[in-house]
């Protein structure tokens, strides 16, 4: 009897639930057709417009986040859903003392968002922001971007935002990462790495550099995982699924997350192919 009562409390109106779901399905299908027509790179098999049924929106009532987000929003193309996830990760990981790395900074919005909360939580956490400030590099034939896209920025733009927010924990490294700037990082372990580089090779190079320096329990966030023009990033992140020492997560906001669960090397695709062939 108790179980029956609980069930009735969960779904008081199945008819209403079915109507809402059918309506959302219609909206999703319509928007997906529009997206396929507007964005030629959309793969109709693997991509569709995502509208979750959940309504919980804690960013709406998080005053500290909203205050900071409103200031950095003009400096980022990352939406509020992904920004809030980054904010929550800093809140949980910064107390452990690991530093923060962002590769792919553009105009500094998300990097300064990360640094703003880290500075409040733990003064010992440094935030390294790495970018060429000359647009996308290492674009391959299977990536949806071309070299040089998103070049409408500069190191000075990011420095001005960091100064405006009173950030003292930010180091901005200009050049190709990791080849040209990684040697400038003398920090110890990292707790969080945000990779927003749009293309396969840059994402892989950044992840493989930070992995041995990432704390167990640390997180790598791939900003571009769920987006049609960044299929190369999804290919790389998906290649890590099921490997020892990590957990891969796909968040419906578009993020792909890798959580480090134990020490050990991050396997490359060649290593995985050899293992699968055995």
C-alpha atoms as a PDB file:
ATOM      1  CA  UNK A   1       0.000   0.000   0.000  1.00  0.00           C
ATOM      2  CA  UNK A   2       2.824   2.374   0.832  1.00  0.00           C
ATOM      3  CA  UNK A   3       4.549   1.737  -2.496  1.00  0.00           C
ATOM      4  CA  UNK A   4       1.303   2.340  -4.352  1.00  0.00           C
ATOM      5  CA  UNK A   5       0.810   5.615  -2.508  1.00  0.00           C
ATOM      6  CA  UNK A   6       4.320   6.779  -3.350  1.00  0.00           C
ATOM      7  CA  UNK A   7       3.845   5.953  -7.001  1.00  0.00           C
ATOM      8  CA  UNK A   8       0.662   7.997  -7.191  1.00  0.00           C
ATOM      9  CA  UNK A   9       2.495  10.963  -5.683  1.00  0.00           C
ATOM     10  CA  UNK A  10       5.222  10.769  -8.336  1.00  0.00           C
ATOM     11  CA  UNK A  11       2.836  10.874 -11.283  1.00  0.00           C
ATOM     12  CA  UNK A  12      -0.517  12.427 -10.416  1.00  0.00           C
ATOM     13  CA  UNK A  13      -1.435  13.031 -14.046  1.00  0.00           C
ATOM     14  CA  UNK A  14      -0.057  10.538 -16.605  1.00  0.00           C
ATOM     15  CA  UNK A  15      -2.163  12.152 -19.316  1.00  0.00           C
ATOM     16  CA  UNK A  16      -0.567  15.537 -18.689  1.00  0.00           C
ATOM     17  CA  UNK A  17       2.913  13.941 -18.648  1.00  0.00           C
ATOM     18  CA  UNK A  18       2.278  12.292 -22.014  1.00  0.00           C
ATOM     19  CA  UNK A  19       1.012  15.554 -23.498  1.00  0.00           C
ATOM     20  CA  UNK A  20       4.092  17.465 -22.321  1.00  0.00           C
ATOM     21  CA  UNK A  21       6.415  14.782 -23.665  1.00  0.00           C
ATOM     22  CA  UNK A  22       4.657  14.671 -27.031  1.00  0.00           C
ATOM     23  CA  UNK A  23       4.786  18.468 -27.276  1.00  0.00           C
ATOM     24  CA  UNK A  24       8.516  18.507 -26.505  1.00  0.00           C
ATOM     25  CA  UNK A  25       9.107  15.757 -29.064  1.00  0.00           C
ATOM     26  CA  UNK A  26       7.358  17.883 -31.704  1.00  0.00           C
ATOM     27  CA  UNK A  27       9.442  20.943 -30.784  1.00  0.00           C
ATOM     28  CA  UNK A  28      12.653  18.884 -30.856  1.00  0.00           C
ATOM     29  CA  UNK A  29      11.841  17.417 -34.268  1.00  0.00           C
ATOM     30  CA  UNK A  30      10.978  20.806 -35.732  1.00  0.00           C
ATOM     31  CA  UNK A  31      14.109  22.486 -34.387  1.00  0.00           C
ATOM     32  CA  UNK A  32      16.266  19.574 -35.536  1.00  0.00           C
ATOM     33  CA  UNK A  33      14.958  19.901 -39.103  1.00  0.00           C
ATOM     34  CA  UNK A  34      15.741  23.614 -38.988  1.00  0.00           C
ATOM     35  CA  UNK A  35      19.238  22.950 -37.630  1.00  0.00           C
ATOM     36  CA  UNK A  36      20.010  20.429 -40.366  1.00  0.00           C
ATOM     37  CA  UNK A  37      18.986  22.955 -42.979  1.00  0.00           C
ATOM     38  CA  UNK A  38      20.917  25.831 -41.433  1.00  0.00           C
ATOM     39  CA  UNK A  39      24.059  23.973 -40.312  1.00  0.00           C
ATOM     40  CA  UNK A  40      25.231  21.764 -43.170  1.00  0.00           C
ATOM     41  CA  UNK A  41      27.697  19.930 -40.913  1.00  0.00           C
ATOM     42  CA  UNK A  42      24.931  18.436 -38.739  1.00  0.00           C
ATOM     43  CA  UNK A  43      25.001  14.627 -38.912  1.00  0.00           C
ATOM     44  CA  UNK A  44      21.346  13.613 -38.946  1.00  0.00           C
ATOM     45  CA  UNK A  45      22.143  10.264 -37.358  1.00  0.00           C
ATOM     46  CA  UNK A  46      24.123  11.407 -34.316  1.00  0.00           C
ATOM     47  CA  UNK A  47      22.906  14.968 -33.716  1.00  0.00           C
ATOM     48  CA  UNK A  48      19.562  16.527 -32.832  1.00  0.00           C
ATOM     49  CA  UNK A  49      18.315  19.493 -30.834  1.00  0.00           C
ATOM     50  CA  UNK A  50      18.394  18.522 -27.151  1.00  0.00           C
ATOM     51  CA  UNK A  51      15.630  19.793 -24.843  1.00  0.00           C
ATOM     52  CA  UNK A  52      15.670  17.932 -21.501  1.00  0.00           C
ATOM     53  CA  UNK A  53      12.453  17.536 -19.556  1.00  0.00           C
ATOM     54  CA  UNK A  54      14.061  18.547 -16.251  1.00  0.00           C
ATOM     55  CA  UNK A  55      13.285  22.045 -14.967  1.00  0.00           C
ATOM     56  CA  UNK A  56      15.685  22.463 -12.030  1.00  0.00           C
ATOM     57  CA  UNK A  57      17.697  25.665 -12.704  1.00  0.00           C
ATOM     58  CA  UNK A  58      19.886  26.478  -9.672  1.00  0.00           C
ATOM     59  CA  UNK A  59      21.889  29.127 -11.554  1.00  0.00           C
ATOM     60  CA  UNK A  60      18.824  31.365 -11.449  1.00  0.00           C
ATOM     61  CA  UNK A  61      19.070  31.765  -7.673  1.00  0.00           C
ATOM     62  CA  UNK A  62      22.851  31.594  -7.208  1.00  0.00           C
ATOM     63  CA  UNK A  63      23.549  35.278  -6.645  1.00  0.00           C
ATOM     64  CA  UNK A  64      27.352  34.995  -6.610  1.00  0.00           C
ATOM     65  CA  UNK A  65      27.375  33.110  -9.879  1.00  0.00           C
ATOM     66  CA  UNK A  66      24.926  35.459 -11.587  1.00  0.00           C
ATOM     67  CA  UNK A  67      26.893  38.497 -10.477  1.00  0.00           C
ATOM     68  CA  UNK A  68      30.093  37.121 -11.994  1.00  0.00           C
ATOM     69  CA  UNK A  69      28.443  35.618 -15.051  1.00  0.00           C
ATOM     70  CA  UNK A  70      26.811  38.925 -15.983  1.00  0.00           C
ATOM     71  CA  UNK A  71      30.270  40.537 -16.030  1.00  0.00           C
ATOM     72  CA  UNK A  72      32.012  37.861 -18.113  1.00  0.00           C
ATOM     73  CA  UNK A  73      29.124  37.024 -20.490  1.00  0.00           C
ATOM     74  CA  UNK A  74      30.214  39.497 -23.222  1.00  0.00           C
ATOM     75  CA  UNK A  75      33.610  37.746 -23.257  1.00  0.00           C
ATOM     76  CA  UNK A  76      32.440  34.189 -23.937  1.00  0.00           C
ATOM     77  CA  UNK A  77      30.444  32.098 -26.394  1.00  0.00           C
ATOM     78  CA  UNK A  78      29.827  29.488 -23.675  1.00  0.00           C
ATOM     79  CA  UNK A  79      26.192  29.471 -22.537  1.00  0.00           C
ATOM     80  CA  UNK A  80      24.991  29.812 -18.954  1.00  0.00           C
ATOM     81  CA  UNK A  81      24.422  26.053 -18.544  1.00  0.00           C
ATOM     82  CA  UNK A  82      28.042  25.165 -19.231  1.00  0.00           C
ATOM     83  CA  UNK A  83      29.321  28.171 -17.289  1.00  0.00           C
ATOM     84  CA  UNK A  84      27.400  27.069 -14.224  1.00  0.00           C
ATOM     85  CA  UNK A  85      28.812  23.565 -14.429  1.00  0.00           C
ATOM     86  CA  UNK A  86      32.339  25.043 -14.500  1.00  0.00           C
ATOM     87  CA  UNK A  87      31.433  27.206 -11.505  1.00  0.00           C
ATOM     88  CA  UNK A  88      30.229  24.177  -9.550  1.00  0.00           C
ATOM     89  CA  UNK A  89      33.349  22.191 -10.400  1.00  0.00           C
ATOM     90  CA  UNK A  90      35.604  24.949  -9.084  1.00  0.00           C
ATOM     91  CA  UNK A  91      33.504  25.097  -5.930  1.00  0.00           C
ATOM     92  CA  UNK A  92      34.118  21.398  -5.311  1.00  0.00           C
ATOM     93  CA  UNK A  93      37.698  21.015  -6.573  1.00  0.00           C
ATOM     94  CA  UNK A  94      39.461  24.239  -5.535  1.00  0.00           C
ATOM     95  CA  UNK A  95      39.447  23.368  -1.801  1.00  0.00           C
ATOM     96  CA  UNK A  96      41.677  20.382  -2.644  1.00  0.00           C
ATOM     97  CA  UNK A  97      44.412  22.732  -3.825  1.00  0.00           C
ATOM     98  CA  UNK A  98      44.875  21.618  -7.422  1.00  0.00           C
ATOM     99  CA  UNK A  99      45.573  24.337  -9.960  1.00  0.00           C
ATOM    100  CA  UNK A 100      43.319  25.134 -12.938  1.00  0.00           C
ATOM    101  CA  UNK A 101      44.245  25.022 -16.617  1.00  0.00           C
ATOM    102  CA  UNK A 102      42.186  26.412 -19.483  1.00  0.00           C
ATOM    103  CA  UNK A 103      43.294  25.802 -23.057  1.00  0.00           C
ATOM    104  CA  UNK A 104      41.331  27.870 -25.550  1.00  0.00           C
ATOM    105  CA  UNK A 105      40.582  31.194 -23.886  1.00  0.00           C
ATOM    106  CA  UNK A 106      39.199  33.413 -26.659  1.00  0.00           C
ATOM    107  CA  UNK A 107      38.235  36.662 -24.845  1.00  0.00           C
ATOM    108  CA  UNK A 108      38.685  35.294 -21.343  1.00  0.00           C
ATOM    109  CA  UNK A 109      35.096  34.845 -20.167  1.00  0.00           C
ATOM    110  CA  UNK A 110      35.188  31.308 -18.812  1.00  0.00           C
ATOM    111  CA  UNK A 111      38.797  31.595 -17.672  1.00  0.00           C
ATOM    112  CA  UNK A 112      38.011  34.632 -15.539  1.00  0.00           C
ATOM    113  CA  UNK A 113      34.840  32.941 -14.274  1.00  0.00           C
ATOM    114  CA  UNK A 114      36.954  30.023 -13.038  1.00  0.00           C
ATOM    115  CA  UNK A 115      39.536  32.328 -11.515  1.00  0.00           C
ATOM    116  CA  UNK A 116      36.951  34.514  -9.753  1.00  0.00           C
ATOM    117  CA  UNK A 117      35.601  31.679  -7.636  1.00  0.00           C
ATOM    118  CA  UNK A 118      38.978  29.981  -7.168  1.00  0.00           C
ATOM    119  CA  UNK A 119      40.393  33.213  -5.733  1.00  0.00           C
ATOM    120  CA  UNK A 120      37.631  33.320  -3.127  1.00  0.00           C
ATOM    121  CA  UNK A 121      37.948  29.662  -2.156  1.00  0.00           C
ATOM    122  CA  UNK A 122      41.711  29.056  -2.170  1.00  0.00           C
ATOM    123  CA  UNK A 123      44.401  31.700  -2.657  1.00  0.00           C
ATOM    124  CA  UNK A 124      46.965  29.026  -3.471  1.00  0.00           C
ATOM    125  CA  UNK A 125      45.191  27.935  -6.650  1.00  0.00           C
ATOM    126  CA  UNK A 126      46.695  29.410  -9.816  1.00  0.00           C
ATOM    127  CA  UNK A 127      44.685  29.633 -13.035  1.00  0.00           C
ATOM    128  CA  UNK A 128      46.623  29.270 -16.292  1.00  0.00           C
ATOM    129  CA  UNK A 129      44.918  30.594 -19.423  1.00  0.00           C
ATOM    130  CA  UNK A 130      46.542  29.345 -22.632  1.00  0.00           C
ATOM    131  CA  UNK A 131      45.737  30.562 -26.131  1.00  0.00           C
ATOM    132  CA  UNK A 132      47.415  31.666 -29.340  1.00  0.00           C
ATOM    133  CA  UNK A 133      44.991  34.616 -29.566  1.00  0.00           C
ATOM    134  CA  UNK A 134      45.266  34.053 -33.330  1.00  0.00           C
ATOM    135  CA  UNK A 135      42.309  31.722 -33.728  1.00  0.00           C
ATOM    136  CA  UNK A 136      42.013  27.967 -34.089  1.00  0.00           C
ATOM    137  CA  UNK A 137      45.156  25.954 -34.806  1.00  0.00           C
ATOM    138  CA  UNK A 138      45.700  22.270 -35.708  1.00  0.00           C
ATOM    139  CA  UNK A 139      42.426  22.021 -37.617  1.00  0.00           C
ATOM    140  CA  UNK A 140      42.257  18.744 -39.554  1.00  0.00           C
ATOM    141  CA  UNK A 141      40.253  17.567 -42.534  1.00  0.00           C
ATOM    142  CA  UNK A 142      37.581  16.002 -40.309  1.00  0.00           C
ATOM    143  CA  UNK A 143      37.094  19.079 -38.119  1.00  0.00           C
ATOM    144  CA  UNK A 144      34.292  21.559 -38.735  1.00  0.00           C
ATOM    145  CA  UNK A 145      36.529  24.574 -38.197  1.00  0.00           C
ATOM    146  CA  UNK A 146      39.325  26.035 -40.289  1.00  0.00           C
ATOM    147  CA  UNK A 147      42.642  27.360 -39.018  1.00  0.00           C
ATOM    148  CA  UNK A 148      42.410  30.997 -37.983  1.00  0.00           C
ATOM    149  CA  UNK A 149      38.715  31.062 -37.054  1.00  0.00           C
ATOM    150  CA  UNK A 150      37.814  32.870 -33.792  1.00  0.00           C
ATOM    151  CA  UNK A 151      40.837  35.171 -34.070  1.00  0.00           C
ATOM    152  CA  UNK A 152      38.877  38.251 -32.972  1.00  0.00           C
ATOM    153  CA  UNK A 153      40.616  38.549 -29.615  1.00  0.00           C
ATOM    154  CA  UNK A 154      43.947  39.416 -27.998  1.00  0.00           C
ATOM    155  CA  UNK A 155      45.917  38.845 -24.828  1.00  0.00           C
ATOM    156  CA  UNK A 156      45.220  42.469 -23.889  1.00  0.00           C
ATOM    157  CA  UNK A 157      41.454  41.865 -23.989  1.00  0.00           C
ATOM    158  CA  UNK A 158      41.805  39.042 -21.456  1.00  0.00           C
ATOM    159  CA  UNK A 159      44.195  41.041 -19.282  1.00  0.00           C
ATOM    160  CA  UNK A 160      41.692  43.907 -19.151  1.00  0.00           C
ATOM    161  CA  UNK A 161      38.874  41.592 -18.014  1.00  0.00           C
ATOM    162  CA  UNK A 162      41.069  39.988 -15.343  1.00  0.00           C
ATOM    163  CA  UNK A 163      42.037  43.444 -14.089  1.00  0.00           C
ATOM    164  CA  UNK A 164      38.420  44.612 -14.069  1.00  0.00           C
ATOM    165  CA  UNK A 165      37.491  41.629 -11.881  1.00  0.00           C
ATOM    166  CA  UNK A 166      40.456  42.166  -9.558  1.00  0.00           C
ATOM    167  CA  UNK A 167      41.966  38.759 -10.272  1.00  0.00           C
ATOM    168  CA  UNK A 168      45.425  38.095  -8.837  1.00  0.00           C
ATOM    169  CA  UNK A 169      45.596  34.368  -9.538  1.00  0.00           C
ATOM    170  CA  UNK A 170      45.643  34.421 -13.353  1.00  0.00           C
ATOM    171  CA  UNK A 171      48.596  33.722 -15.629  1.00  0.00           C
ATOM    172  CA  UNK A 172      48.009  34.248 -19.341  1.00  0.00           C
ATOM    173  CA  UNK A 173      50.277  32.240 -21.659  1.00  0.00           C
ATOM    174  CA  UNK A 174      50.293  33.239 -25.329  1.00  0.00           C
ATOM    175  CA  UNK A 175      51.251  30.640 -27.914  1.00  0.00           C
ATOM    176  CA  UNK A 176      50.415  27.116 -29.064  1.00  0.00           C
ATOM    177  CA  UNK A 177      49.798  24.794 -26.131  1.00  0.00           C
ATOM    178  CA  UNK A 178      51.599  22.658 -25.112  1.00  0.00           C
ATOM    179  CA  UNK A 179      54.437  23.059 -27.615  1.00  0.00           C
ATOM    180  CA  UNK A 180      55.207  26.742 -27.026  1.00  0.00           C
ATOM    181  CA  UNK A 181      53.933  27.533 -23.535  1.00  0.00           C
ATOM    182  CA  UNK A 182      53.721  24.423 -21.331  1.00  0.00           C
ATOM    183  CA  UNK A 183      57.341  24.837 -20.225  1.00  0.00           C
ATOM    184  CA  UNK A 184      56.313  28.100 -18.536  1.00  0.00           C
ATOM    185  CA  UNK A 185      54.053  26.249 -16.104  1.00  0.00           C
ATOM    186  CA  UNK A 186      55.906  25.295 -12.947  1.00  0.00           C
ATOM    187  CA  UNK A 187      52.809  24.518 -10.892  1.00  0.00           C
ATOM    188  CA  UNK A 188      52.305  21.144  -9.248  1.00  0.00           C
ATOM    189  CA  UNK A 189      49.105  19.170  -9.589  1.00  0.00           C
ATOM    190  CA  UNK A 190      45.969  20.317 -11.369  1.00  0.00           C
ATOM    191  CA  UNK A 191      42.439  19.725 -10.149  1.00  0.00           C
ATOM    192  CA  UNK A 192      40.531  21.014 -13.169  1.00  0.00           C
ATOM    193  CA  UNK A 193      41.271  21.441 -16.859  1.00  0.00           C
ATOM    194  CA  UNK A 194      38.884  23.194 -19.249  1.00  0.00           C
ATOM    195  CA  UNK A 195      39.636  22.436 -22.902  1.00  0.00           C
ATOM    196  CA  UNK A 196      37.825  24.689 -25.390  1.00  0.00           C
ATOM    197  CA  UNK A 197      39.796  24.287 -28.604  1.00  0.00           C
ATOM    198  CA  UNK A 198      37.120  23.033 -31.044  1.00  0.00           C
ATOM    199  CA  UNK A 199      39.323  20.554 -32.943  1.00  0.00           C
ATOM    200  CA  UNK A 200      40.579  17.010 -32.411  1.00  0.00           C
ATOM    201  CA  UNK A 201      44.365  17.407 -32.310  1.00  0.00           C
ATOM    202  CA  UNK A 202      44.435  20.410 -29.992  1.00  0.00           C
ATOM    203  CA  UNK A 203      42.016  18.693 -27.597  1.00  0.00           C
ATOM    204  CA  UNK A 204      44.094  15.527 -27.554  1.00  0.00           C
ATOM    205  CA  UNK A 205      47.418  17.341 -27.074  1.00  0.00           C
ATOM    206  CA  UNK A 206      46.072  19.354 -24.135  1.00  0.00           C
ATOM    207  CA  UNK A 207      44.507  16.313 -22.452  1.00  0.00           C
ATOM    208  CA  UNK A 208      47.618  14.186 -22.808  1.00  0.00           C
ATOM    209  CA  UNK A 209      49.790  16.949 -21.338  1.00  0.00           C
ATOM    210  CA  UNK A 210      47.630  17.575 -18.276  1.00  0.00           C
ATOM    211  CA  UNK A 211      46.730  13.945 -17.498  1.00  0.00           C
ATOM    212  CA  UNK A 212      49.911  12.951 -15.603  1.00  0.00           C
ATOM    213  CA  UNK A 213      49.668  16.248 -13.709  1.00  0.00           C
ATOM    214  CA  UNK A 214      45.971  15.851 -12.864  1.00  0.00           C
ATOM    215  CA  UNK A 215      44.998  14.851  -9.328  1.00  0.00           C
ATOM    216  CA  UNK A 216      43.090  11.624  -8.825  1.00  0.00           C
ATOM    217  CA  UNK A 217      39.522  12.907  -8.637  1.00  0.00           C
ATOM    218  CA  UNK A 218      40.402  15.773 -10.967  1.00  0.00           C
ATOM    219  CA  UNK A 219      38.279  16.593 -14.002  1.00  0.00           C
ATOM    220  CA  UNK A 220      38.922  17.474 -17.630  1.00  0.00           C
ATOM    221  CA  UNK A 221      36.016  19.323 -19.255  1.00  0.00           C
ATOM    222  CA  UNK A 222      35.792  19.308 -23.057  1.00  0.00           C
ATOM    223  CA  UNK A 223      33.620  22.279 -23.909  1.00  0.00           C
ATOM    224  CA  UNK A 224      33.027  21.330 -27.552  1.00  0.00           C
ATOM    225  CA  UNK A 225      32.025  17.698 -27.078  1.00  0.00           C
ATOM    226  CA  UNK A 226      28.340  17.992 -27.980  1.00  0.00           C
ATOM    227  CA  UNK A 227      28.501  20.423 -30.883  1.00  0.00           C
ATOM    228  CA  UNK A 228      28.135  19.556 -34.555  1.00  0.00           C
ATOM    229  CA  UNK A 229      31.176  21.477 -35.817  1.00  0.00           C
ATOM    230  CA  UNK A 230      33.403  19.810 -33.217  1.00  0.00           C
ATOM    231  CA  UNK A 231      32.910  16.173 -34.101  1.00  0.00           C
ATOM    232  CA  UNK A 232      36.652  15.605 -33.821  1.00  0.00           C
ATOM    233  CA  UNK A 233      36.530  16.455 -30.117  1.00  0.00           C
ATOM    234  CA  UNK A 234      33.689  13.974 -29.593  1.00  0.00           C
ATOM    235  CA  UNK A 235      35.684  11.342 -31.456  1.00  0.00           C
ATOM    236  CA  UNK A 236      38.627  11.799 -29.101  1.00  0.00           C
ATOM    237  CA  UNK A 237      36.585  11.842 -25.886  1.00  0.00           C
ATOM    238  CA  UNK A 238      34.559   8.798 -26.958  1.00  0.00           C
ATOM    239  CA  UNK A 239      37.786   6.915 -27.673  1.00  0.00           C
ATOM    240  CA  UNK A 240      38.535   7.068 -23.933  1.00  0.00           C
ATOM    241  CA  UNK A 241      35.278   5.436 -22.848  1.00  0.00           C
ATOM    242  CA  UNK A 242      35.697   2.245 -20.876  1.00  0.00           C
ATOM    243  CA  UNK A 243      39.402   2.732 -20.211  1.00  0.00           C
ATOM    244  CA  UNK A 244      40.919   1.998 -16.817  1.00  0.00           C
ATOM    245  CA  UNK A 245      41.554   4.926 -14.505  1.00  0.00           C
ATOM    246  CA  UNK A 246      38.829   7.251 -15.726  1.00  0.00           C
ATOM    247  CA  UNK A 247      35.121   7.827 -16.071  1.00  0.00           C
ATOM    248  CA  UNK A 248      33.710   9.517 -19.168  1.00  0.00           C
ATOM    249  CA  UNK A 249      30.475  11.497 -18.897  1.00  0.00           C
ATOM    250  CA  UNK A 250      28.306  13.134 -21.533  1.00  0.00           C
ATOM    251  CA  UNK A 251      26.374  16.066 -20.115  1.00  0.00           C
ATOM    252  CA  UNK A 252      23.330  17.192 -22.085  1.00  0.00           C
ATOM    253  CA  UNK A 253      24.591  20.791 -21.897  1.00  0.00           C
ATOM    254  CA  UNK A 254      27.211  19.762 -24.489  1.00  0.00           C
ATOM    255  CA  UNK A 255      30.139  19.131 -22.170  1.00  0.00           C
ATOM    256  CA  UNK A 256      32.150  15.934 -22.227  1.00  0.00           C
ATOM    257  CA  UNK A 257      33.821  15.206 -18.882  1.00  0.00           C
ATOM    258  CA  UNK A 258      36.664  12.863 -17.987  1.00  0.00           C
ATOM    259  CA  UNK A 259      37.099  12.165 -14.259  1.00  0.00           C
ATOM    260  CA  UNK A 260      40.440  10.675 -13.214  1.00  0.00           C
ATOM    261  CA  UNK A 261      39.879   7.752 -10.855  1.00  0.00           C
ATOM    262  CA  UNK A 262      43.392   6.364 -10.481  1.00  0.00           C
ATOM    263  CA  UNK A 263      46.992   7.054 -11.417  1.00  0.00           C
ATOM    264  CA  UNK A 264      48.279   5.798 -14.732  1.00  0.00           C
ATOM    265  CA  UNK A 265      48.832   6.802 -18.322  1.00  0.00           C
ATOM    266  CA  UNK A 266      46.089   8.196 -20.525  1.00  0.00           C
ATOM    267  CA  UNK A 267      45.835   5.738 -23.431  1.00  0.00           C
ATOM    268  CA  UNK A 268      46.176   7.112 -26.934  1.00  0.00           C
ATOM    269  CA  UNK A 269      44.100   5.838 -29.842  1.00  0.00           C
ATOM    270  CA  UNK A 270      47.013   3.720 -31.106  1.00  0.00           C
ATOM    271  CA  UNK A 271      47.224   1.985 -27.721  1.00  0.00           C
ATOM    272  CA  UNK A 272      43.483   1.339 -27.787  1.00  0.00           C
ATOM    273  CA  UNK A 273      43.612  -0.113 -31.284  1.00  0.00           C
ATOM    274  CA  UNK A 274      46.373  -2.528 -30.260  1.00  0.00           C
ATOM    275  CA  UNK A 275      44.409  -3.570 -27.175  1.00  0.00           C
ATOM    276  CA  UNK A 276      41.247  -4.171 -29.198  1.00  0.00           C
ATOM    277  CA  UNK A 277      43.157  -6.290 -31.727  1.00  0.00           C
ATOM    278  CA  UNK A 278      44.407  -8.732 -29.091  1.00  0.00           C
END
